Amino acid sequence: PHPGAGLRVELRGTVDGSEQIHVVYLITRRDYGHVLAAAPILALARKWIAHGVTANGAMACLGLLTWEELRTELLGDDDVALIRAWETPPAP
């Protein structure tokens, strides 16, 4: 069996003065780490080709793709899992 590969993304910020941490893991069942790295740009290129580019210049990438748009680039339904974790840091 092949070892899996993974990608971890951590977002930090404050909500109503309280620090929040959201962590998302994309895990593959096989050694397809390169697919995890390439999938976002492929999904975005397909979206722009299908619907056009709605803005130009530098912009934040948050919200440009939905999970479903990204998932279509990530092999098959059984090959990639999305795992979310919400963490609240300990009080000082």
C-alpha atoms as a PDB file:
ATOM      1  CA  PRO A   1       0.000   0.000   0.000  1.00  0.00           C
ATOM      2  CA  HIS A   2       1.092   3.564  -0.730  1.00  0.00           C
ATOM      3  CA  PRO A   3       1.327   6.098   2.077  1.00  0.00           C
ATOM      4  CA  GLY A   4      -1.067   9.012   1.919  1.00  0.00           C
ATOM      5  CA  ALA A   5      -0.191  12.656   1.497  1.00  0.00           C
ATOM      6  CA  GLY A   6      -1.719  15.713   3.066  1.00  0.00           C
ATOM      7  CA  LEU A   7      -2.003  19.460   3.132  1.00  0.00           C
ATOM      8  CA  ARG A   8      -2.781  21.508   6.254  1.00  0.00           C
ATOM      9  CA  VAL A   9      -4.160  25.053   6.126  1.00  0.00           C
ATOM     10  CA  GLU A  10      -4.555  27.116   9.290  1.00  0.00           C
ATOM     11  CA  LEU A  11      -6.526  30.366   9.501  1.00  0.00           C
ATOM     12  CA  ARG A  12      -6.260  32.643  12.545  1.00  0.00           C
ATOM     13  CA  GLY A  13      -8.265  35.699  13.429  1.00  0.00           C
ATOM     14  CA  THR A  14     -10.582  37.267  15.958  1.00  0.00           C
ATOM     15  CA  VAL A  15     -14.361  37.129  16.170  1.00  0.00           C
ATOM     16  CA  ASP A  16     -16.014  39.487  18.646  1.00  0.00           C
ATOM     17  CA  GLY A  17     -12.644  39.974  20.343  1.00  0.00           C
ATOM     18  CA  SER A  18     -12.034  36.240  20.776  1.00  0.00           C
ATOM     19  CA  GLU A  19      -9.147  34.583  18.944  1.00  0.00           C
ATOM     20  CA  GLN A  20     -10.281  31.792  16.623  1.00  0.00           C
ATOM     21  CA  ILE A  21      -8.279  29.144  14.810  1.00  0.00           C
ATOM     22  CA  HIS A  22      -9.705  27.089  11.954  1.00  0.00           C
ATOM     23  CA  VAL A  23      -7.683  24.233  10.529  1.00  0.00           C
ATOM     24  CA  VAL A  24      -8.493  22.306   7.365  1.00  0.00           C
ATOM     25  CA  TYR A  25      -6.702  19.152   6.259  1.00  0.00           C
ATOM     26  CA  LEU A  26      -6.851  17.648   2.780  1.00  0.00           C
ATOM     27  CA  ILE A  27      -5.725  14.032   2.968  1.00  0.00           C
ATOM     28  CA  THR A  28      -5.141  11.630   0.067  1.00  0.00           C
ATOM     29  CA  ARG A  29      -5.246   7.849   0.394  1.00  0.00           C
ATOM     30  CA  ARG A  30      -2.309   7.488  -1.984  1.00  0.00           C
ATOM     31  CA  ASP A  31       0.916   9.411  -2.453  1.00  0.00           C
ATOM     32  CA  TYR A  32      -0.693  12.193  -4.522  1.00  0.00           C
ATOM     33  CA  GLY A  33       0.638  15.266  -2.761  1.00  0.00           C
ATOM     34  CA  HIS A  34       1.363  16.918  -6.123  1.00  0.00           C
ATOM     35  CA  VAL A  35      -2.365  16.763  -6.936  1.00  0.00           C
ATOM     36  CA  LEU A  36      -3.208  18.666  -3.746  1.00  0.00           C
ATOM     37  CA  ALA A  37      -0.763  21.406  -4.705  1.00  0.00           C
ATOM     38  CA  ALA A  38      -1.950  21.745  -8.333  1.00  0.00           C
ATOM     39  CA  ALA A  39      -5.717  21.375  -7.846  1.00  0.00           C
ATOM     40  CA  PRO A  40      -6.532  24.993  -6.850  1.00  0.00           C
ATOM     41  CA  ILE A  41      -4.974  26.599  -9.931  1.00  0.00           C
ATOM     42  CA  LEU A  42      -6.574  24.005 -12.217  1.00  0.00           C
ATOM     43  CA  ALA A  43     -10.000  24.603 -10.666  1.00  0.00           C
ATOM     44  CA  LEU A  44      -9.590  28.377 -10.890  1.00  0.00           C
ATOM     45  CA  ALA A  45      -8.477  28.201 -14.535  1.00  0.00           C
ATOM     46  CA  ARG A  46     -11.531  26.057 -15.387  1.00  0.00           C
ATOM     47  CA  LYS A  47     -13.818  28.511 -13.580  1.00  0.00           C
ATOM     48  CA  TRP A  48     -12.333  31.499 -15.421  1.00  0.00           C
ATOM     49  CA  ILE A  49     -12.586  29.717 -18.781  1.00  0.00           C
ATOM     50  CA  ALA A  50     -16.234  28.807 -18.150  1.00  0.00           C
ATOM     51  CA  HIS A  51     -17.403  32.083 -16.581  1.00  0.00           C
ATOM     52  CA  GLY A  52     -14.764  34.676 -17.445  1.00  0.00           C
ATOM     53  CA  VAL A  53     -12.579  36.712 -15.134  1.00  0.00           C
ATOM     54  CA  THR A  54     -14.712  39.168 -13.167  1.00  0.00           C
ATOM     55  CA  ALA A  55     -11.924  41.316 -11.706  1.00  0.00           C
ATOM     56  CA  ASN A  56      -8.348  42.248 -12.462  1.00  0.00           C
ATOM     57  CA  GLY A  57      -5.319  43.153 -10.406  1.00  0.00           C
ATOM     58  CA  ALA A  58      -4.149  41.762  -7.091  1.00  0.00           C
ATOM     59  CA  MET A  59      -6.819  40.341  -4.809  1.00  0.00           C
ATOM     60  CA  ALA A  60      -7.254  37.981  -1.896  1.00  0.00           C
ATOM     61  CA  CYS A  61      -7.738  34.363  -2.903  1.00  0.00           C
ATOM     62  CA  LEU A  62     -10.160  33.583  -0.081  1.00  0.00           C
ATOM     63  CA  GLY A  63     -13.562  32.722  -1.504  1.00  0.00           C
ATOM     64  CA  LEU A  64     -12.522  32.357  -5.155  1.00  0.00           C
ATOM     65  CA  LEU A  65     -13.398  28.637  -5.155  1.00  0.00           C
ATOM     66  CA  THR A  66     -15.979  26.487  -3.440  1.00  0.00           C
ATOM     67  CA  TRP A  67     -15.129  23.056  -2.040  1.00  0.00           C
ATOM     68  CA  GLU A  68     -17.116  21.448  -4.876  1.00  0.00           C
ATOM     69  CA  GLU A  69     -15.167  23.378  -7.536  1.00  0.00           C
ATOM     70  CA  LEU A  70     -11.898  22.292  -5.949  1.00  0.00           C
ATOM     71  CA  ARG A  71     -13.019  18.731  -5.346  1.00  0.00           C
ATOM     72  CA  THR A  72     -13.554  18.073  -9.059  1.00  0.00           C
ATOM     73  CA  GLU A  73      -9.792  18.458  -9.531  1.00  0.00           C
ATOM     74  CA  LEU A  74      -8.920  16.112  -6.673  1.00  0.00           C
ATOM     75  CA  LEU A  75      -9.058  12.661  -8.289  1.00  0.00           C
ATOM     76  CA  GLY A  76     -12.213  10.835  -7.176  1.00  0.00           C
ATOM     77  CA  ASP A  77     -14.591  10.999  -4.238  1.00  0.00           C
ATOM     78  CA  ASP A  78     -12.830   8.153  -2.430  1.00  0.00           C
ATOM     79  CA  ASP A  79      -9.290   9.440  -2.914  1.00  0.00           C
ATOM     80  CA  VAL A  80      -9.374  12.757  -1.040  1.00  0.00           C
ATOM     81  CA  ALA A  81     -10.914  13.644   2.297  1.00  0.00           C
ATOM     82  CA  LEU A  82     -11.545  17.085   3.772  1.00  0.00           C
ATOM     83  CA  ILE A  83     -11.177  17.218   7.523  1.00  0.00           C
ATOM     84  CA  ARG A  84     -12.024  20.393   9.438  1.00  0.00           C
ATOM     85  CA  ALA A  85     -10.965  21.248  12.935  1.00  0.00           C
ATOM     86  CA  TRP A  86     -12.039  24.286  14.931  1.00  0.00           C
ATOM     87  CA  GLU A  87      -9.768  25.189  17.761  1.00  0.00           C
ATOM     88  CA  THR A  88     -10.060  27.793  20.445  1.00  0.00           C
ATOM     89  CA  PRO A  89      -6.740  28.755  21.980  1.00  0.00           C
ATOM     90  CA  PRO A  90      -6.368  28.440  25.735  1.00  0.00           C
ATOM     91  CA  ALA A  91      -7.190  31.484  27.824  1.00  0.00           C
ATOM     92  CA  PRO A  92      -4.128  33.562  28.851  1.00  0.00           C
END
